[in-house]
C-alpha cells in the first residue's frame, strides 16, 4: 500500500469536471479543502491498494484531535466526480473536526461506481467489484487508526449514494447509510438491518424521486425512492413514519426495532445537489441553502451505531 501525505501546506490543485449524475469538482486545496465547504484543520493522506488486479485509491482525513475508537464515515463522490472533489465540496472535513471522526473518500474506477443493473460507466460494464474495494479500504483504515467497528457509516451523492445502497445490500460493514440524490439499483434480496437516512430534492431531474427515467448520460431508471425506503422499513421492522414539515423541507421518520431508524428528507423545488454544499458549475442545480445535509446526516449517524 502506498501512502502520500497532504495537508494545509499542499499546493493548490484545480479540478473542473462535470458530473453526469450530479456531483461537480471545483477548485480546492488538497488535504484540507481550502476555505470552502470542505475546509478542515487536520491532515489528509492518499492511499493506494490493489483489489482484483486494479490499483485503487482513497483519501483519508484525520482531525488534529481524533479520539480513540473514533467513528469512520465513508463519503463517495458522484459519477465523474473524484475523492478530491468530494472532500472539497460537501463539508465533511469541517464536520469531522467538530465532532471527532475520520472521513474516507474513495475514488471510483473511471470516476464511477458499479451499483447494479449495469450502472454506471466502466465499473458497471466491466463488473468492477467496488464492494470489495470499499471493504478492503475500511480494513486498511482500521489497521491504521483506532476505529470503532460499531460506528462505520457510508454516504454519497448520486452514483455515490447508489453505492451506499449497494454496500448496505452486499456487505455487513456499516451501521447506517446516508444516500443523497440517489436510488437503489440492482437486487437486494436479504440485506442486513441497518439505519438509513435519505435526502432528495423533489425537482431532481437526473435521479427522479418518482423513479421515472432521468436526464443525463446515465439515464437512471430506478425504483421510486419511497419504494426503496419502504423496503428498508420492512427489513428494519419499523413503525409508521412520523411526518414533520418546515418550509420546503419534509422529514418522515420511522422508529424501528433495536434502536434503528429509517428517515426520508425531501426538499420541495430542490434539484440534483447536496444541500448546504458548495455552489457548483454554471447550469448545475444549486445547493439548497436551507439545510446542511452533512450536519443532518452526521447527527443521524451519531445516534445510530451498530446495535
Protein backbone atom coordinates (compact mmCIF):
# COMPACT_ATOMS: atom_id res chain seq x y z
CA UNK A 1 0.00 0.00 0.00
CA UNK A 2 1.37 3.42 -0.99
CA UNK A 3 0.67 6.48 1.18
CA UNK A 4 1.11 10.15 0.22
CA UNK A 5 0.65 12.87 2.82
CA UNK A 6 -1.02 16.17 2.07
CA UNK A 7 -2.09 18.97 4.36
CA UNK A 8 -2.55 22.68 4.84
CA UNK A 9 0.72 23.41 3.03
CA UNK A 10 -0.19 21.36 -0.03
CA UNK A 11 -0.20 23.03 -3.42
CA UNK A 12 -3.42 24.38 -4.90
CA UNK A 13 -5.00 21.76 -7.16
CA UNK A 14 -7.62 22.95 -9.63
CA UNK A 15 -10.24 20.49 -10.80
CA UNK A 16 -13.02 21.32 -13.25
CA UNK A 17 -15.27 18.43 -14.12
CA UNK A 18 -18.94 17.87 -14.70
CA UNK A 19 -20.90 15.06 -13.16
CA UNK A 20 -23.45 13.30 -15.30
CA UNK A 21 -25.05 12.12 -12.08
CA UNK A 22 -24.75 15.42 -10.29
CA UNK A 23 -21.54 15.96 -8.33
CA UNK A 24 -19.13 18.56 -9.68
CA UNK A 25 -15.49 19.28 -8.91
CA UNK A 26 -14.33 22.77 -8.01
CA UNK A 27 -11.00 24.37 -7.21
CA UNK A 28 -9.64 23.41 -3.81
CA UNK A 29 -6.59 22.73 -1.68
CA UNK A 30 -5.54 19.11 -1.44
CA UNK A 31 -5.97 17.68 2.03
CA UNK A 32 -7.77 20.46 3.80
CA UNK A 33 -10.23 21.55 1.15
CA UNK A 34 -9.14 25.20 1.21
CA UNK A 35 -11.56 27.81 2.52
CA UNK A 36 -14.72 26.29 1.05
CA UNK A 37 -17.23 23.78 2.29
CA UNK A 38 -14.63 21.03 2.74
CA UNK A 39 -12.22 23.02 4.92
CA UNK A 40 -10.60 21.22 7.84
CA UNK A 41 -7.63 21.67 10.13
CA UNK A 42 -6.38 18.08 10.20
CA UNK A 43 -4.39 16.01 7.71
CA UNK A 44 -5.33 14.10 4.57
CA UNK A 45 -3.31 11.11 3.42
CA UNK A 46 -3.66 9.50 -0.01
CA UNK A 47 -3.52 5.70 -0.16
CA UNK A 48 -3.47 3.08 -2.92
CA UNK A 49 -4.39 -0.60 -2.66
CA UNK A 50 -4.62 -3.43 -5.18
CA UNK A 51 -8.08 -5.00 -5.39
CA UNK A 52 -8.87 -7.58 -8.05
CA UNK A 53 -5.82 -6.59 -10.08
CA UNK A 54 -6.77 -2.90 -10.13
CA UNK A 55 -4.88 -0.18 -8.30
CA UNK A 56 -7.48 1.73 -6.31
CA UNK A 57 -7.00 4.93 -4.33
CA UNK A 58 -8.64 6.76 -1.47
CA UNK A 59 -8.10 9.83 0.67
CA UNK A 60 -8.26 9.63 4.47
CA UNK A 61 -8.92 12.73 6.56
CA UNK A 62 -7.95 12.75 10.25
CA UNK A 63 -8.80 15.69 12.50
CA UNK A 64 -5.95 17.08 14.56
CA UNK A 65 -7.53 15.59 17.70
CA UNK A 66 -9.02 12.20 16.87
CA UNK A 67 -10.26 10.20 19.86
CA UNK A 68 -9.65 6.51 20.42
CA UNK A 69 -12.36 4.26 18.97
CA UNK A 70 -13.40 7.03 16.60
CA UNK A 71 -16.26 6.73 14.11
CA UNK A 72 -15.45 6.47 10.39
CA UNK A 73 -17.55 8.00 7.59
CA UNK A 74 -17.06 6.81 4.01
CA UNK A 75 -18.05 9.60 1.57
CA UNK A 76 -18.47 8.55 -2.08
CA UNK A 77 -18.43 11.02 -4.97
CA UNK A 78 -20.98 11.06 -7.77
CA UNK A 79 -20.40 9.99 -11.36
CA UNK A 80 -17.45 11.80 -12.99
CA UNK A 81 -16.51 13.17 -9.56
CA UNK A 82 -13.46 12.22 -7.53
CA UNK A 83 -12.31 11.72 -3.97
CA UNK A 84 -10.58 15.10 -4.00
CA UNK A 85 -13.72 16.81 -5.30
CA UNK A 86 -15.92 15.15 -2.68
CA UNK A 87 -13.53 16.23 0.06
CA UNK A 88 -13.69 19.78 -1.25
CA UNK A 89 -17.41 20.11 -1.89
CA UNK A 90 -19.53 18.78 0.95
CA UNK A 91 -18.06 19.97 4.24
CA UNK A 92 -17.23 16.62 5.81
CA UNK A 93 -13.73 17.61 6.98
CA UNK A 94 -15.04 20.57 8.96
CA UNK A 95 -17.79 18.40 10.46
CA UNK A 96 -15.18 15.78 11.37
CA UNK A 97 -13.14 18.45 13.15
CA UNK A 98 -16.16 19.50 15.19
CA UNK A 99 -17.41 16.01 16.03
CA UNK A 100 -14.27 13.87 16.22
CA UNK A 101 -14.45 11.26 13.44
CA UNK A 102 -12.36 10.22 10.43
CA UNK A 103 -13.53 10.51 6.82
CA UNK A 104 -12.54 8.28 3.90
CA UNK A 105 -13.01 9.46 0.32
CA UNK A 106 -12.59 6.57 -2.14
CA UNK A 107 -12.03 7.12 -5.86
CA UNK A 108 -14.37 5.31 -8.21
CA UNK A 109 -12.80 3.36 -11.08
CA UNK A 110 -13.22 5.56 -14.15
CA UNK A 111 -14.88 8.10 -11.82
CA UNK A 112 -17.95 5.96 -11.31
CA UNK A 113 -19.25 3.05 -9.21
CA UNK A 114 -20.68 -0.36 -10.06
CA UNK A 115 -24.03 -0.18 -8.29
CA UNK A 116 -26.04 -2.82 -10.17
CA UNK A 117 -28.15 -3.12 -13.33
CA UNK A 118 -25.08 -2.29 -15.45
CA UNK A 119 -24.69 1.15 -13.89
CA UNK A 120 -22.54 3.08 -14.08
CA UNK A 121 -19.85 3.71 -16.71
CA UNK A 122 -16.82 1.42 -16.93
CA UNK A 123 -17.33 -0.13 -13.48
CA UNK A 124 -20.83 -1.22 -14.46
CA UNK A 125 -19.78 -2.51 -17.88
CA UNK A 126 -16.70 -4.32 -16.56
CA UNK A 127 -18.34 -5.52 -13.34
CA UNK A 128 -15.72 -3.95 -11.11
CA UNK A 129 -16.03 -5.19 -7.53
CA UNK A 130 -16.45 -1.89 -5.73
CA UNK A 131 -17.91 -3.60 -2.66
CA UNK A 132 -14.62 -5.48 -2.26
CA UNK A 133 -12.65 -2.25 -2.71
CA UNK A 134 -14.60 -0.36 -0.05
CA UNK A 135 -14.36 -3.33 2.31
CA UNK A 136 -10.59 -3.52 1.80
CA UNK A 137 -10.29 0.23 2.33
CA UNK A 138 -12.15 0.04 5.65
CA UNK A 139 -9.95 -2.87 6.74
CA UNK A 140 -6.79 -0.90 5.92
CA UNK A 141 -8.06 2.16 7.78
CA UNK A 142 -8.87 0.07 10.85
CA UNK A 143 -5.28 -1.18 10.82
CA UNK A 144 -4.01 2.39 10.76
CA UNK A 145 -6.48 4.13 13.08
CA UNK A 146 -8.40 3.25 16.22
CA UNK A 147 -11.84 2.94 14.60
CA UNK A 148 -14.97 1.80 16.41
CA UNK A 149 -16.33 -1.08 14.27
CA UNK A 150 -19.85 -0.31 15.53
CA UNK A 151 -19.66 3.23 14.11
CA UNK A 152 -18.68 2.86 10.46
CA UNK A 153 -21.03 4.71 8.09
CA UNK A 154 -21.43 5.30 4.35
CA UNK A 155 -22.79 8.30 2.48
CA UNK A 156 -22.60 9.63 -1.05
CA UNK A 157 -24.28 11.67 -3.73
CA UNK A 158 -25.94 10.40 -6.89
CA UNK A 159 -23.92 7.41 -8.18
CA UNK A 160 -22.07 7.54 -4.83
CA UNK A 161 -25.37 7.43 -2.96
CA UNK A 162 -26.36 4.42 -5.06
CA UNK A 163 -23.07 2.86 -3.98
CA UNK A 164 -24.06 3.42 -0.36
CA UNK A 165 -27.18 1.35 -1.04
CA UNK A 166 -25.07 -1.32 -2.78
CA UNK A 167 -22.83 -1.54 0.29
CA UNK A 168 -25.88 -1.86 2.52
CA UNK A 169 -27.19 -4.68 0.34
CA UNK A 170 -23.95 -6.60 -0.19
CA UNK A 171 -21.83 -6.08 2.94
CA UNK A 172 -22.13 -6.13 6.72
CA UNK A 173 -19.59 -3.40 7.49
CA UNK A 174 -21.87 -0.39 8.01
CA UNK A 175 -24.13 0.67 10.87
CA UNK A 176 -26.02 3.24 8.78
CA UNK A 177 -26.06 4.82 5.34
CA UNK A 178 -26.96 8.32 4.13
CA UNK A 179 -27.61 8.50 0.37
CA UNK A 180 -28.26 11.91 -1.22
CA UNK A 181 -29.93 12.37 -4.64
CA UNK A 182 -29.81 8.62 -5.26
CA UNK A 183 -31.84 5.44 -5.54
CA UNK A 184 -31.11 1.74 -5.21
CA UNK A 185 -30.25 -0.22 -8.36
CA UNK A 186 -29.79 -3.97 -8.64
CA UNK A 187 -31.05 -6.70 -6.38
CA UNK A 188 -31.10 -6.56 -2.61
CA UNK A 189 -32.70 -9.84 -1.52
CA UNK A 190 -31.59 -10.18 2.10
CA UNK A 191 -29.80 -7.09 3.44
CA UNK A 192 -28.52 -6.80 6.98
CA UNK A 193 -30.77 -4.48 9.01
CA UNK A 194 -29.23 -1.02 9.36
CA UNK A 195 -30.37 2.57 9.74
CA UNK A 196 -30.98 4.71 6.65
CA UNK A 197 -31.32 8.46 6.11
CA UNK A 198 -32.08 9.54 2.54
CA UNK A 199 -32.07 13.17 1.30
CA UNK A 200 -33.67 14.09 -2.04
CA UNK A 201 -34.77 17.18 -3.92
CA UNK A 202 -38.24 16.74 -5.39
CA UNK A 203 -37.24 18.68 -8.52
CA UNK A 204 -34.28 16.36 -9.22
CA UNK A 205 -34.33 15.56 -12.95
CA UNK A 206 -31.27 13.29 -13.01
CA UNK A 207 -32.30 10.79 -10.34
CA UNK A 208 -36.01 11.31 -10.15
CA UNK A 209 -37.82 10.86 -6.86
CA UNK A 210 -40.73 9.12 -8.60
CA UNK A 211 -38.48 6.57 -10.32
CA UNK A 212 -39.09 7.78 -13.87
CA UNK A 213 -36.09 7.82 -16.26
CA UNK A 214 -33.76 10.70 -15.50
CA UNK A 215 -31.81 13.06 -17.72
CA UNK A 216 -28.05 12.99 -18.15
CA UNK A 217 -25.67 10.41 -19.61
CA UNK A 218 -26.57 7.62 -17.20
CA UNK A 219 -30.36 7.92 -17.72
CA UNK A 220 -31.00 6.49 -14.26
CA UNK A 221 -34.25 4.50 -14.25
CA UNK A 222 -34.51 3.22 -10.71
CA UNK A 223 -37.36 2.39 -8.39
CA UNK A 224 -39.23 5.26 -6.74
CA UNK A 225 -37.42 6.48 -3.65
CA UNK A 226 -40.49 5.86 -1.49
CA UNK A 227 -40.46 2.21 -2.55
CA UNK A 228 -36.78 1.91 -1.66
CA UNK A 229 -37.39 3.35 1.81
CA UNK A 230 -40.46 1.16 2.31
CA UNK A 231 -38.23 -1.85 1.66
CA UNK A 232 -35.79 -0.74 4.33
CA UNK A 233 -38.61 -0.13 6.80
CA UNK A 234 -39.71 -3.73 6.23
CA UNK A 235 -36.15 -5.00 6.70
CA UNK A 236 -35.71 -2.98 9.89
CA UNK A 237 -39.22 -3.78 11.18
CA UNK A 238 -40.20 -0.16 11.58
CA UNK A 239 -43.36 1.56 12.68
CA UNK A 240 -45.33 4.09 10.67
CA UNK A 241 -43.26 7.20 9.83
CA UNK A 242 -43.97 10.42 11.70
CA UNK A 243 -44.11 13.39 9.33
CA UNK A 244 -42.91 16.92 10.09
CA UNK A 245 -42.60 19.95 7.80
CA UNK A 246 -40.59 23.15 7.93
CA UNK A 247 -40.92 25.34 4.88
CA UNK A 248 -39.77 23.39 1.82
CA UNK A 249 -38.34 20.53 3.90
CA UNK A 250 -40.37 17.47 4.87
CA UNK A 251 -38.98 14.78 7.18
CA UNK A 252 -40.54 11.32 7.50
CA UNK A 253 -39.02 9.45 10.45
CA UNK A 254 -39.74 5.83 11.31
CA UNK A 255 -38.55 4.17 14.50
CA UNK A 256 -37.50 0.57 14.08
CA UNK A 257 -36.54 -2.49 16.10
CA UNK A 258 -33.31 -2.49 18.11
CA UNK A 259 -32.96 1.29 18.05
CA UNK A 260 -32.63 1.60 14.28
CA UNK A 261 -34.40 4.23 12.19
CA UNK A 262 -35.33 4.98 8.59
CA UNK A 263 -35.66 8.66 7.67
CA UNK A 264 -36.57 10.38 4.41
CA UNK A 265 -35.92 14.10 3.93
CA UNK A 266 -37.39 15.72 0.83
CA UNK A 267 -37.00 19.31 -0.35
CA UNK A 268 -39.63 20.98 -2.49
CA UNK A 269 -38.12 22.73 -5.51
CA UNK A 270 -34.57 21.42 -4.95
CA UNK A 271 -32.78 19.64 -7.77
CA UNK A 272 -29.84 17.26 -8.09
CA UNK A 273 -27.49 18.62 -5.42
CA UNK A 274 -26.05 18.27 -1.91
CA UNK A 275 -27.99 20.64 0.36
CA UNK A 276 -25.64 23.09 2.06
CA UNK A 277 -22.70 22.09 -0.15
CA UNK A 278 -20.62 24.26 -2.43
CA UNK A 279 -22.01 26.25 -5.30
CA UNK A 280 -21.20 24.15 -8.35
CA UNK A 281 -20.57 24.78 -12.02
CA UNK A 282 -22.73 27.00 -14.18
CA UNK A 283 -26.05 25.39 -15.15
CA UNK A 284 -25.83 22.73 -12.42
CA UNK A 285 -28.61 22.64 -9.87
CA UNK A 286 -27.70 24.98 -6.99
CA UNK A 287 -27.33 23.52 -3.49
CA UNK A 288 -30.40 24.13 -1.37
CA UNK A 289 -29.26 26.67 1.28
CA UNK A 290 -31.86 25.93 3.95
CA UNK A 291 -30.48 22.55 5.04
CA UNK A 292 -26.97 21.41 5.98
CA UNK A 293 -27.17 17.83 4.75
CA UNK A 294 -23.72 16.98 6.12
CA UNK A 295 -24.63 18.03 9.66
CA UNK A 296 -28.05 16.33 9.44
CA UNK A 297 -26.58 13.06 8.18
CA UNK A 298 -23.85 13.11 10.81
CA UNK A 299 -26.36 13.63 13.63
CA UNK A 300 -28.32 10.66 12.33
CA UNK A 301 -25.17 8.54 12.12
CA UNK A 302 -24.08 9.51 15.63
CA UNK A 303 -27.46 8.43 17.01
CA UNK A 304 -27.39 5.06 15.24
CA UNK A 305 -24.34 2.90 15.91
CA UNK A 306 -24.46 -0.81 15.17
CA UNK A 307 -26.90 -2.49 17.57
